[in-house]
Amino acid sequence: MLSSVTVIKINATPVPAESGDELAQRFAARAGAVDGAEGFEGFELLKPTDERLQWLVVTRWRDPESFEAWTSSQAFAHGHQGAAKPAAHGGPVSTASELWNYEVAGGSTGGA
């Protein structure tokens, strides 16, 4: 049975201060790449505004199966194909990342 609770996947990635703009540009160039994925609900790239170097790639999914299908897809592989290259040649601007898993347990939509 599929979950009825939105799941949150956060890729926590340390990025050297001098590489942050490059990371943001790469995500901007691929904006919308995941939008058509089954079960995809939203995405944010969070830039640190303090001394931290850790950027957060936050995605929301209808269920864990939708996220797994995306990470197994050809589109996902295409977006991550430069992983073995140096950063200067299109490779990652960070060599580490950690995947955090959450589900929405409460909150508010704001407004009146």
PDB file of N, CA and C in Angstrom:
ATOM      1  N   MET A   1       0.835  -1.180   0.000  1.00  0.00           N
ATOM      2  CA  MET A   1       0.000   0.000   0.000  1.00  0.00           C
ATOM      3  C   MET A   1       0.883   1.247   0.000  1.00  0.00           C
ATOM      4  N   LEU A   2       0.534   2.238  -0.777  1.00  0.00           N
ATOM      5  CA  LEU A   2       1.301   3.463  -0.855  1.00  0.00           C
ATOM      6  C   LEU A   2       1.000   4.371   0.320  1.00  0.00           C
ATOM      7  N   SER A   3       2.004   5.104   0.748  1.00  0.00           N
ATOM      8  CA  SER A   3       1.860   6.057   1.839  1.00  0.00           C
ATOM      9  C   SER A   3       1.003   7.237   1.388  1.00  0.00           C
ATOM     10  N   SER A   4       0.220   7.811   2.298  1.00  0.00           N
ATOM     11  CA  SER A   4      -0.571   8.991   1.968  1.00  0.00           C
ATOM     12  C   SER A   4       0.046  10.246   2.571  1.00  0.00           C
ATOM     13  N   VAL A   5       1.245  10.121   3.118  1.00  0.00           N
ATOM     14  CA  VAL A   5       1.935  11.240   3.743  1.00  0.00           C
ATOM     15  C   VAL A   5       3.089  11.677   2.847  1.00  0.00           C
ATOM     16  N   THR A   6       3.190  12.973   2.589  1.00  0.00           N
ATOM     17  CA  THR A   6       4.297  13.487   1.790  1.00  0.00           C
ATOM     18  C   THR A   6       5.620  13.126   2.440  1.00  0.00           C
ATOM     19  N   VAL A   7       6.555  12.627   1.639  1.00  0.00           N
ATOM     20  CA  VAL A   7       7.891  12.333   2.137  1.00  0.00           C
ATOM     21  C   VAL A   7       8.845  13.408   1.629  1.00  0.00           C
ATOM     22  N   ILE A   8       9.814  13.711   2.448  1.00  0.00           N
ATOM     23  CA  ILE A   8      10.814  14.733   2.152  1.00  0.00           C
ATOM     24  C   ILE A   8      12.171  14.047   2.049  1.00  0.00           C
ATOM     25  N   LYS A   9      12.867  14.324   0.968  1.00  0.00           N
ATOM     26  CA  LYS A   9      14.226  13.827   0.782  1.00  0.00           C
ATOM     27  C   LYS A   9      15.131  15.048   0.722  1.00  0.00           C
ATOM     28  N   ILE A  10      16.127  15.086   1.591  1.00  0.00           N
ATOM     29  CA  ILE A  10      17.052  16.214   1.652  1.00  0.00           C
ATOM     30  C   ILE A  10      18.458  15.701   1.385  1.00  0.00           C
ATOM     31  N   ASN A  11      19.058  16.214   0.329  1.00  0.00           N
ATOM     32  CA  ASN A  11      20.445  15.892   0.031  1.00  0.00           C
ATOM     33  C   ASN A  11      21.276  17.012   0.641  1.00  0.00           C
ATOM     34  N   ALA A  12      21.956  16.720   1.738  1.00  0.00           N
ATOM     35  CA  ALA A  12      22.785  17.691   2.438  1.00  0.00           C
ATOM     36  C   ALA A  12      24.201  17.591   1.869  1.00  0.00           C
ATOM     37  N   THR A  13      24.646  18.678   1.243  1.00  0.00           N
ATOM     38  CA  THR A  13      25.897  18.657   0.487  1.00  0.00           C
ATOM     39  C   THR A  13      26.809  19.800   0.905  1.00  0.00           C
ATOM     40  N   PRO A  14      27.966  19.491   1.480  1.00  0.00           N
ATOM     41  CA  PRO A  14      28.919  20.564   1.774  1.00  0.00           C
ATOM     42  C   PRO A  14      29.532  21.081   0.469  1.00  0.00           C
ATOM     43  N   VAL A  15      29.516  22.388   0.300  1.00  0.00           N
ATOM     44  CA  VAL A  15      30.025  23.021  -0.915  1.00  0.00           C
ATOM     45  C   VAL A  15      30.985  24.131  -0.498  1.00  0.00           C
ATOM     46  N   PRO A  16      32.216  24.109  -0.997  1.00  0.00           N
ATOM     47  CA  PRO A  16      33.149  25.196  -0.668  1.00  0.00           C
ATOM     48  C   PRO A  16      32.542  26.550  -1.041  1.00  0.00           C
ATOM     49  N   ALA A  17      32.788  27.570  -0.231  1.00  0.00           N
ATOM     50  CA  ALA A  17      32.198  28.894  -0.434  1.00  0.00           C
ATOM     51  C   ALA A  17      32.403  29.400  -1.859  1.00  0.00           C
ATOM     52  N   GLU A  18      33.565  29.142  -2.438  1.00  0.00           N
ATOM     53  CA  GLU A  18      33.852  29.639  -3.789  1.00  0.00           C
ATOM     54  C   GLU A  18      33.104  28.864  -4.877  1.00  0.00           C
ATOM     55  N   SER A  19      32.448  27.765  -4.526  1.00  0.00           N
ATOM     56  CA  SER A  19      31.738  26.938  -5.508  1.00  0.00           C
ATOM     57  C   SER A  19      30.217  27.057  -5.424  1.00  0.00           C
ATOM     58  N   GLY A  20      29.725  27.816  -4.469  1.00  0.00           N
ATOM     59  CA  GLY A  20      28.278  27.932  -4.285  1.00  0.00           C
ATOM     60  C   GLY A  20      27.561  28.486  -5.496  1.00  0.00           C
ATOM     61  N   ASP A  21      28.116  29.533  -6.106  1.00  0.00           N
ATOM     62  CA  ASP A  21      27.473  30.113  -7.291  1.00  0.00           C
ATOM     63  C   ASP A  21      27.396  29.098  -8.424  1.00  0.00           C
ATOM     64  N   GLU A  22      28.430  28.296  -8.574  1.00  0.00           N
ATOM     65  CA  GLU A  22      28.442  27.264  -9.617  1.00  0.00           C
ATOM     66  C   GLU A  22      27.332  26.245  -9.368  1.00  0.00           C
ATOM     67  N   LEU A  23      27.176  25.835  -8.117  1.00  0.00           N
ATOM     68  CA  LEU A  23      26.118  24.884  -7.790  1.00  0.00           C
ATOM     69  C   LEU A  23      24.748  25.476  -8.128  1.00  0.00           C
ATOM     70  N   ALA A  24      24.511  26.709  -7.731  1.00  0.00           N
ATOM     71  CA  ALA A  24      23.230  27.362  -8.008  1.00  0.00           C
ATOM     72  C   ALA A  24      22.985  27.464  -9.516  1.00  0.00           C
ATOM     73  N   GLN A  25      24.013  27.796 -10.283  1.00  0.00           N
ATOM     74  CA  GLN A  25      23.871  27.902 -11.741  1.00  0.00           C
ATOM     75  C   GLN A  25      23.534  26.552 -12.360  1.00  0.00           C
ATOM     76  N   ARG A  26      24.144  25.498 -11.871  1.00  0.00           N
ATOM     77  CA  ARG A  26      23.872  24.164 -12.414  1.00  0.00           C
ATOM     78  C   ARG A  26      22.435  23.751 -12.150  1.00  0.00           C
ATOM     79  N   PHE A  27      21.955  24.045 -10.945  1.00  0.00           N
ATOM     80  CA  PHE A  27      20.567  23.705 -10.650  1.00  0.00           C
ATOM     81  C   PHE A  27      19.619  24.551 -11.493  1.00  0.00           C
ATOM     82  N   ALA A  28      19.939  25.824 -11.686  1.00  0.00           N
ATOM     83  CA  ALA A  28      19.102  26.698 -12.513  1.00  0.00           C
ATOM     84  C   ALA A  28      19.047  26.183 -13.952  1.00  0.00           C
ATOM     85  N   ALA A  29      20.156  25.669 -14.446  1.00  0.00           N
ATOM     86  CA  ALA A  29      20.213  25.157 -15.823  1.00  0.00           C
ATOM     87  C   ALA A  29      19.360  23.902 -15.990  1.00  0.00           C
ATOM     88  N   ARG A  30      19.145  23.182 -14.899  1.00  0.00           N
ATOM     89  CA  ARG A  30      18.350  21.952 -14.952  1.00  0.00           C
ATOM     90  C   ARG A  30      16.962  22.137 -14.357  1.00  0.00           C
ATOM     91  N   ALA A  31      16.568  23.386 -14.113  1.00  0.00           N
ATOM     92  CA  ALA A  31      15.263  23.651 -13.508  1.00  0.00           C
ATOM     93  C   ALA A  31      14.166  22.945 -14.291  1.00  0.00           C
ATOM     94  N   GLY A  32      13.304  22.264 -13.568  1.00  0.00           N
ATOM     95  CA  GLY A  32      12.188  21.578 -14.202  1.00  0.00           C
ATOM     96  C   GLY A  32      12.478  20.151 -14.619  1.00  0.00           C
ATOM     97  N   ALA A  33      13.730  19.704 -14.498  1.00  0.00           N
ATOM     98  CA  ALA A  33      14.088  18.357 -14.958  1.00  0.00           C
ATOM     99  C   ALA A  33      13.311  17.264 -14.239  1.00  0.00           C
ATOM    100  N   VAL A  34      12.934  17.494 -13.017  1.00  0.00           N
ATOM    101  CA  VAL A  34      12.227  16.478 -12.237  1.00  0.00           C
ATOM    102  C   VAL A  34      10.714  16.722 -12.212  1.00  0.00           C
ATOM    103  N   ASP A  35      10.266  17.854 -12.723  1.00  0.00           N
ATOM    104  CA  ASP A  35       8.858  18.243 -12.598  1.00  0.00           C
ATOM    105  C   ASP A  35       7.871  17.197 -13.101  1.00  0.00           C
ATOM    106  N   GLY A  36       8.201  16.478 -14.142  1.00  0.00           N
ATOM    107  CA  GLY A  36       7.275  15.507 -14.707  1.00  0.00           C
ATOM    108  C   GLY A  36       7.324  14.136 -14.064  1.00  0.00           C
ATOM    109  N   ALA A  37       8.197  13.952 -13.080  1.00  0.00           N
ATOM    110  CA  ALA A  37       8.324  12.638 -12.446  1.00  0.00           C
ATOM    111  C   ALA A  37       7.060  12.293 -11.665  1.00  0.00           C
ATOM    112  N   GLU A  38       6.611  11.076 -11.811  1.00  0.00           N
ATOM    113  CA  GLU A  38       5.433  10.597 -11.095  1.00  0.00           C
ATOM    114  C   GLU A  38       5.632  10.762  -9.585  1.00  0.00           C
ATOM    115  N   GLY A  39       4.692  11.403  -8.918  1.00  0.00           N
ATOM    116  CA  GLY A  39       4.742  11.557  -7.469  1.00  0.00           C
ATOM    117  C   GLY A  39       5.556  12.732  -6.973  1.00  0.00           C
ATOM    118  N   PHE A  40       6.191  13.477  -7.876  1.00  0.00           N
ATOM    119  CA  PHE A  40       6.992  14.638  -7.476  1.00  0.00           C
ATOM    120  C   PHE A  40       6.074  15.779  -7.072  1.00  0.00           C
ATOM    121  N   GLU A  41       6.360  16.406  -5.918  1.00  0.00           N
ATOM    122  CA  GLU A  41       5.509  17.480  -5.410  1.00  0.00           C
ATOM    123  C   GLU A  41       6.214  18.827  -5.305  1.00  0.00           C
ATOM    124  N   GLY A  42       7.538  18.862  -5.288  1.00  0.00           N
ATOM    125  CA  GLY A  42       8.211  20.149  -5.195  1.00  0.00           C
ATOM    126  C   GLY A  42       9.687  20.021  -4.884  1.00  0.00           C
ATOM    127  N   PHE A  43      10.389  21.135  -5.077  1.00  0.00           N
ATOM    128  CA  PHE A  43      11.845  21.168  -4.940  1.00  0.00           C
ATOM    129  C   PHE A  43      12.304  22.557  -4.473  1.00  0.00           C
ATOM    130  N   GLU A  44      13.297  22.593  -3.622  1.00  0.00           N
ATOM    131  CA  GLU A  44      13.996  23.826  -3.258  1.00  0.00           C
ATOM    132  C   GLU A  44      15.480  23.536  -3.118  1.00  0.00           C
ATOM    133  N   LEU A  45      16.296  24.496  -3.558  1.00  0.00           N
ATOM    134  CA  LEU A  45      17.730  24.466  -3.299  1.00  0.00           C
ATOM    135  C   LEU A  45      17.972  25.528  -2.237  1.00  0.00           C
ATOM    136  N   LEU A  46      18.442  25.116  -1.071  1.00  0.00           N
ATOM    137  CA  LEU A  46      18.644  26.043   0.038  1.00  0.00           C
ATOM    138  C   LEU A  46      20.121  26.365   0.201  1.00  0.00           C
ATOM    139  N   LYS A  47      20.420  27.656   0.134  1.00  0.00           N
ATOM    140  CA  LYS A  47      21.778  28.188   0.254  1.00  0.00           C
ATOM    141  C   LYS A  47      21.989  28.665   1.688  1.00  0.00           C
ATOM    142  N   PRO A  48      23.109  28.299   2.299  1.00  0.00           N
ATOM    143  CA  PRO A  48      23.349  28.768   3.668  1.00  0.00           C
ATOM    144  C   PRO A  48      23.552  30.281   3.708  1.00  0.00           C
ATOM    145  N   THR A  49      23.030  30.899   4.751  1.00  0.00           N
ATOM    146  CA  THR A  49      23.183  32.345   4.921  1.00  0.00           C
ATOM    147  C   THR A  49      24.026  32.682   6.144  1.00  0.00           C
ATOM    148  N   ASP A  50      24.701  31.682   6.667  1.00  0.00           N
ATOM    149  CA  ASP A  50      25.622  31.881   7.784  1.00  0.00           C
ATOM    150  C   ASP A  50      26.960  31.250   7.404  1.00  0.00           C
ATOM    151  N   GLU A  51      27.772  30.887   8.362  1.00  0.00           N
ATOM    152  CA  GLU A  51      29.103  30.351   8.069  1.00  0.00           C
ATOM    153  C   GLU A  51      29.092  28.894   7.596  1.00  0.00           C
ATOM    154  N   ARG A  52      27.946  28.262   7.616  1.00  0.00           N
ATOM    155  CA  ARG A  52      27.870  26.875   7.172  1.00  0.00           C
ATOM    156  C   ARG A  52      28.184  26.770   5.681  1.00  0.00           C
ATOM    157  N   LEU A  53      28.697  25.632   5.280  1.00  0.00           N
ATOM    158  CA  LEU A  53      28.990  25.364   3.876  1.00  0.00           C
ATOM    159  C   LEU A  53      28.019  24.345   3.294  1.00  0.00           C
ATOM    160  N   GLN A  54      27.110  23.864   4.125  1.00  0.00           N
ATOM    161  CA  GLN A  54      26.207  22.797   3.695  1.00  0.00           C
ATOM    162  C   GLN A  54      24.970  23.370   3.002  1.00  0.00           C
ATOM    163  N   TRP A  55      24.809  23.023   1.718  1.00  0.00           N
ATOM    164  CA  TRP A  55      23.625  23.369   0.939  1.00  0.00           C
ATOM    165  C   TRP A  55      22.637  22.215   1.072  1.00  0.00           C
ATOM    166  N   LEU A  56      21.350  22.520   0.967  1.00  0.00           N
ATOM    167  CA  LEU A  56      20.327  21.486   1.067  1.00  0.00           C
ATOM    168  C   LEU A  56      19.496  21.446  -0.215  1.00  0.00           C
ATOM    169  N   VAL A  57      19.398  20.271  -0.784  1.00  0.00           N
ATOM    170  CA  VAL A  57      18.528  20.034  -1.931  1.00  0.00           C
ATOM    171  C   VAL A  57      17.308  19.316  -1.363  1.00  0.00           C
ATOM    172  N   VAL A  58      16.194  20.022  -1.287  1.00  0.00           N
ATOM    173  CA  VAL A  58      14.991  19.502  -0.635  1.00  0.00           C
ATOM    174  C   VAL A  58      13.956  19.145  -1.699  1.00  0.00           C
ATOM    175  N   THR A  59      13.540  17.878  -1.726  1.00  0.00           N
ATOM    176  CA  THR A  59      12.476  17.467  -2.637  1.00  0.00           C
ATOM    177  C   THR A  59      11.343  16.851  -1.826  1.00  0.00           C
ATOM    178  N   ARG A  60      10.121  17.028  -2.331  1.00  0.00           N
ATOM    179  CA  ARG A  60       8.930  16.465  -1.702  1.00  0.00           C
ATOM    180  C   ARG A  60       8.293  15.477  -2.681  1.00  0.00           C
ATOM    181  N   TRP A  61       7.892  14.336  -2.146  1.00  0.00           N
ATOM    182  CA  TRP A  61       7.350  13.241  -2.970  1.00  0.00           C
ATOM    183  C   TRP A  61       6.077  12.703  -2.349  1.00  0.00           C
ATOM    184  N   ARG A  62       5.196  12.205  -3.197  1.00  0.00           N
ATOM    185  CA  ARG A  62       3.940  11.611  -2.744  1.00  0.00           C
ATOM    186  C   ARG A  62       4.198  10.394  -1.849  1.00  0.00           C
ATOM    187  N   ASP A  63       5.231   9.628  -2.173  1.00  0.00           N
ATOM    188  CA  ASP A  63       5.524   8.404  -1.437  1.00  0.00           C
ATOM    189  C   ASP A  63       6.969   7.996  -1.714  1.00  0.00           C
ATOM    190  N   PRO A  64       7.537   7.120  -0.893  1.00  0.00           N
ATOM    191  CA  PRO A  64       8.926   6.686  -1.092  1.00  0.00           C
ATOM    192  C   PRO A  64       9.143   6.014  -2.446  1.00  0.00           C
ATOM    193  N   GLU A  65       8.142   5.300  -2.934  1.00  0.00           N
ATOM    194  CA  GLU A  65       8.271   4.595  -4.203  1.00  0.00           C
ATOM    195  C   GLU A  65       8.495   5.563  -5.372  1.00  0.00           C
ATOM    196  N   SER A  66       7.847   6.720  -5.314  1.00  0.00           N
ATOM    197  CA  SER A  66       8.030   7.724  -6.372  1.00  0.00           C
ATOM    198  C   SER A  66       9.464   8.237  -6.389  1.00  0.00           C
ATOM    199  N   PHE A  67      10.022   8.479  -5.209  1.00  0.00           N
ATOM    200  CA  PHE A  67      11.412   8.930  -5.132  1.00  0.00           C
ATOM    201  C   PHE A  67      12.349   7.854  -5.674  1.00  0.00           C
ATOM    202  N   GLU A  68      12.125   6.616  -5.274  1.00  0.00           N
ATOM    203  CA  GLU A  68      12.967   5.512  -5.745  1.00  0.00           C
ATOM    204  C   GLU A  68      12.884   5.369  -7.263  1.00  0.00           C
ATOM    205  N   ALA A  69      11.683   5.520  -7.820  1.00  0.00           N
ATOM    206  CA  ALA A  69      11.528   5.438  -9.274  1.00  0.00           C
ATOM    207  C   ALA A  69      12.316   6.553  -9.958  1.00  0.00           C
ATOM    208  N   TRP A  70      12.291   7.758  -9.401  1.00  0.00           N
ATOM    209  CA  TRP A  70      13.046   8.885  -9.973  1.00  0.00           C
ATOM    210  C   TRP A  70      14.545   8.595  -9.943  1.00  0.00           C
ATOM    211  N   THR A  71      15.060   8.122  -8.799  1.00  0.00           N
ATOM    212  CA  THR A  71      16.503   7.883  -8.702  1.00  0.00           C
ATOM    213  C   THR A  71      16.961   6.715  -9.564  1.00  0.00           C
ATOM    214  N   SER A  72      16.033   5.885 -10.003  1.00  0.00           N
ATOM    215  CA  SER A  72      16.358   4.776 -10.894  1.00  0.00           C
ATOM    216  C   SER A  72      16.122   5.124 -12.361  1.00  0.00           C
ATOM    217  N   SER A  73      15.654   6.343 -12.634  1.00  0.00           N
ATOM    218  CA  SER A  73      15.274   6.716 -13.990  1.00  0.00           C
ATOM    219  C   SER A  73      16.461   7.164 -14.840  1.00  0.00           C
ATOM    220  N   GLN A  74      16.257   7.136 -16.139  1.00  0.00           N
ATOM    221  CA  GLN A  74      17.267   7.607 -17.080  1.00  0.00           C
ATOM    222  C   GLN A  74      17.484   9.115 -16.921  1.00  0.00           C
ATOM    223  N   ALA A  75      16.425   9.858 -16.635  1.00  0.00           N
ATOM    224  CA  ALA A  75      16.536  11.306 -16.449  1.00  0.00           C
ATOM    225  C   ALA A  75      17.432  11.638 -15.257  1.00  0.00           C
ATOM    226  N   PHE A  76      17.300  10.881 -14.175  1.00  0.00           N
ATOM    227  CA  PHE A  76      18.152  11.090 -13.000  1.00  0.00           C
ATOM    228  C   PHE A  76      19.611  10.788 -13.359  1.00  0.00           C
ATOM    229  N   ALA A  77      19.842   9.668 -14.034  1.00  0.00           N
ATOM    230  CA  ALA A  77      21.202   9.292 -14.438  1.00  0.00           C
ATOM    231  C   ALA A  77      21.809  10.362 -15.336  1.00  0.00           C
ATOM    232  N   HIS A  78      21.018  10.905 -16.259  1.00  0.00           N
ATOM    233  CA  HIS A  78      21.507  11.955 -17.154  1.00  0.00           C
ATOM    234  C   HIS A  78      21.926  13.193 -16.363  1.00  0.00           C
ATOM    235  N   GLY A  79      21.146  13.574 -15.367  1.00  0.00           N
ATOM    236  CA  GLY A  79      21.457  14.755 -14.572  1.00  0.00           C
ATOM    237  C   GLY A  79      22.665  14.593 -13.674  1.00  0.00           C
ATOM    238  N   HIS A  80      23.083  13.353 -13.450  1.00  0.00           N
ATOM    239  CA  HIS A  80      24.217  13.084 -12.559  1.00  0.00           C
ATOM    240  C   HIS A  80      25.377  12.420 -13.298  1.00  0.00           C
ATOM    241  N   GLN A  81      25.399  12.493 -14.615  1.00  0.00           N
ATOM    242  CA  GLN A  81      26.394  11.766 -15.398  1.00  0.00           C
ATOM    243  C   GLN A  81      27.813  12.274 -15.245  1.00  0.00           C
ATOM    244  N   GLY A  82      28.020  13.502 -14.804  1.00  0.00           N
ATOM    245  CA  GLY A  82      29.373  14.043 -14.681  1.00  0.00           C
ATOM    246  C   GLY A  82      30.030  13.769 -13.343  1.00  0.00           C
ATOM    247  N   ALA A  83      29.470  12.869 -12.560  1.00  0.00           N
ATOM    248  CA  ALA A  83      29.951  12.650 -11.193  1.00  0.00           C
ATOM    249  C   ALA A  83      31.432  12.274 -11.109  1.00  0.00           C
ATOM    250  N   ALA A  84      31.983  11.670 -12.142  1.00  0.00           N
ATOM    251  CA  ALA A  84      33.390  11.262 -12.097  1.00  0.00           C
ATOM    252  C   ALA A  84      34.340  12.347 -12.604  1.00  0.00           C
ATOM    253  N   LYS A  85      33.804  13.432 -13.134  1.00  0.00           N
ATOM    254  CA  LYS A  85      34.638  14.504 -13.678  1.00  0.00           C
ATOM    255  C   LYS A  85      35.043  15.489 -12.588  1.00  0.00           C
ATOM    256  N   PRO A  86      36.143  16.218 -12.804  1.00  0.00           N
ATOM    257  CA  PRO A  86      36.489  17.297 -11.873  1.00  0.00           C
ATOM    258  C   PRO A  86      35.453  18.423 -11.981  1.00  0.00           C
ATOM    259  N   ALA A  87      35.278  19.206 -10.931  1.00  0.00           N
ATOM    260  CA  ALA A  87      34.296  20.296 -10.915  1.00  0.00           C
ATOM    261  C   ALA A  87      34.504  21.263 -12.078  1.00  0.00           C
ATOM    262  N   ALA A  88      35.739  21.558 -12.423  1.00  0.00           N
ATOM    263  CA  ALA A  88      36.036  22.502 -13.500  1.00  0.00           C
ATOM    264  C   ALA A  88      35.572  22.001 -14.862  1.00  0.00           C
ATOM    265  N   HIS A  89      35.311  20.705 -14.954  1.00  0.00           N
ATOM    266  CA  HIS A  89      34.879  20.112 -16.225  1.00  0.00           C
ATOM    267  C   HIS A  89      33.467  19.536 -16.122  1.00  0.00           C
ATOM    268  N   GLY A  90      32.654  20.122 -15.261  1.00  0.00           N
ATOM    269  CA  GLY A  90      31.266  19.697 -15.131  1.00  0.00           C
ATOM    270  C   GLY A  90      31.001  18.665 -14.061  1.00  0.00           C
ATOM    271  N   GLY A  91      32.026  18.281 -13.329  1.00  0.00           N
ATOM    272  CA  GLY A  91      31.850  17.320 -12.242  1.00  0.00           C
ATOM    273  C   GLY A  91      31.270  17.991 -11.013  1.00  0.00           C
ATOM    274  N   PRO A  92      31.065  17.229  -9.959  1.00  0.00           N
ATOM    275  CA  PRO A  92      30.442  17.788  -8.756  1.00  0.00           C
ATOM    276  C   PRO A  92      31.306  18.879  -8.112  1.00  0.00           C
ATOM    277  N   VAL A  93      30.634  19.866  -7.539  1.00  0.00           N
ATOM    278  CA  VAL A  93      31.358  20.911  -6.813  1.00  0.00           C
ATOM    279  C   VAL A  93      31.595  20.476  -5.369  1.00  0.00           C
ATOM    280  N   SER A  94      31.075  19.324  -5.014  1.00  0.00           N
ATOM    281  CA  SER A  94      31.280  18.737  -3.693  1.00  0.00           C
ATOM    282  C   SER A  94      31.547  17.248  -3.879  1.00  0.00           C
ATOM    283  N   THR A  95      32.332  16.673  -3.007  1.00  0.00           N
ATOM    284  CA  THR A  95      32.626  15.245  -3.120  1.00  0.00           C
ATOM    285  C   THR A  95      31.866  14.424  -2.087  1.00  0.00           C
ATOM    286  N   ALA A  96      31.001  15.070  -1.328  1.00  0.00           N
ATOM    287  CA  ALA A  96      30.257  14.355  -0.303  1.00  0.00           C
ATOM    288  C   ALA A  96      28.799  14.793  -0.333  1.00  0.00           C
ATOM    289  N   SER A  97      27.943  13.926   0.149  1.00  0.00           N
ATOM    290  CA  SER A  97      26.545  14.286   0.369  1.00  0.00           C
ATOM    291  C   SER A  97      25.943  13.251   1.302  1.00  0.00           C
ATOM    292  N   GLU A  98      24.871  13.642   1.918  1.00  0.00           N
ATOM    293  CA  GLU A  98      24.183  12.770   2.847  1.00  0.00           C
ATOM    294  C   GLU A  98      22.690  12.909   2.578  1.00  0.00           C
ATOM    295  N   LEU A  99      21.983  11.798   2.436  1.00  0.00           N
ATOM    296  CA  LEU A  99      20.552  11.835   2.177  1.00  0.00           C
ATOM    297  C   LEU A  99      19.793  11.710   3.489  1.00  0.00           C
ATOM    298  N   TRP A 100      18.984  12.728   3.782  1.00  0.00           N
ATOM    299  CA  TRP A 100      18.139  12.727   4.977  1.00  0.00           C
ATOM    300  C   TRP A 100      16.713  12.419   4.543  1.00  0.00           C
ATOM    301  N   ASN A 101      16.003  11.633   5.333  1.00  0.00           N
ATOM    302  CA  ASN A 101      14.647  11.207   5.005  1.00  0.00           C
ATOM    303  C   ASN A 101      13.672  11.665   6.083  1.00  0.00           C
ATOM    304  N   TYR A 102      12.604  12.349   5.656  1.00  0.00           N
ATOM    305  CA  TYR A 102      11.595  12.859   6.576  1.00  0.00           C
ATOM    306  C   TYR A 102      10.222  12.643   5.981  1.00  0.00           C
ATOM    307  N   GLU A 103       9.203  12.759   6.818  1.00  0.00           N
ATOM    308  CA  GLU A 103       7.831  12.851   6.342  1.00  0.00           C
ATOM    309  C   GLU A 103       7.193  14.034   7.047  1.00  0.00           C
ATOM    310  N   VAL A 104       6.204  14.630   6.420  1.00  0.00           N
ATOM    311  CA  VAL A 104       5.531  15.776   7.005  1.00  0.00           C
ATOM    312  C   VAL A 104       4.663  15.283   8.156  1.00  0.00           C
ATOM    313  N   ALA A 105       4.914  15.814   9.341  1.00  0.00           N
ATOM    314  CA  ALA A 105       4.181  15.409  10.525  1.00  0.00           C
ATOM    315  C   ALA A 105       3.226  16.514  11.013  1.00  0.00           C
ATOM    316  N   GLY A 106       3.324  17.686  10.424  1.00  0.00           N
ATOM    317  CA  GLY A 106       2.464  18.800  10.811  1.00  0.00           C
ATOM    318  C   GLY A 106       2.975  20.049  10.140  1.00  0.00           C
ATOM    319  N   GLY A 107       2.255  21.144  10.308  1.00  0.00           N
ATOM    320  CA  GLY A 107       2.687  22.397   9.733  1.00  0.00           C
ATOM    321  C   GLY A 107       1.522  23.322   9.458  1.00  0.00           C
ATOM    322  N   SER A 108       1.782  24.316   8.641  1.00  0.00           N
ATOM    323  CA  SER A 108       0.787  25.326   8.324  1.00  0.00           C
ATOM    324  C   SER A 108       1.046  25.858   6.926  1.00  0.00           C
ATOM    325  N   THR A 109       0.030  26.296   6.235  1.00  0.00           N
ATOM    326  CA  THR A 109       0.183  26.885   4.926  1.00  0.00           C
ATOM    327  C   THR A 109       0.238  28.400   4.992  1.00  0.00           C
ATOM    328  N   GLY A 110       0.077  28.982   6.181  1.00  0.00           N
ATOM    329  CA  GLY A 110       0.131  30.437   6.340  1.00  0.00           C
ATOM    330  C   GLY A 110      -1.109  31.107   5.786  1.00  0.00           C
ATOM    331  N   GLY A 111      -1.042  32.420   5.665  1.00  0.00           N
ATOM    332  CA  GLY A 111      -2.172  33.162   5.103  1.00  0.00           C
ATOM    333  C   GLY A 111      -3.270  33.418   6.104  1.00  0.00           C
ATOM    334  N   ALA A 112      -4.349  34.011   5.631  1.00  0.00           N
ATOM    335  CA  ALA A 112      -5.465  34.409   6.500  1.00  0.00           C
ATOM    336  C   ALA A 112      -6.282  33.255   6.889  1.00  0.00           C
TER     337      ALA A 112
END
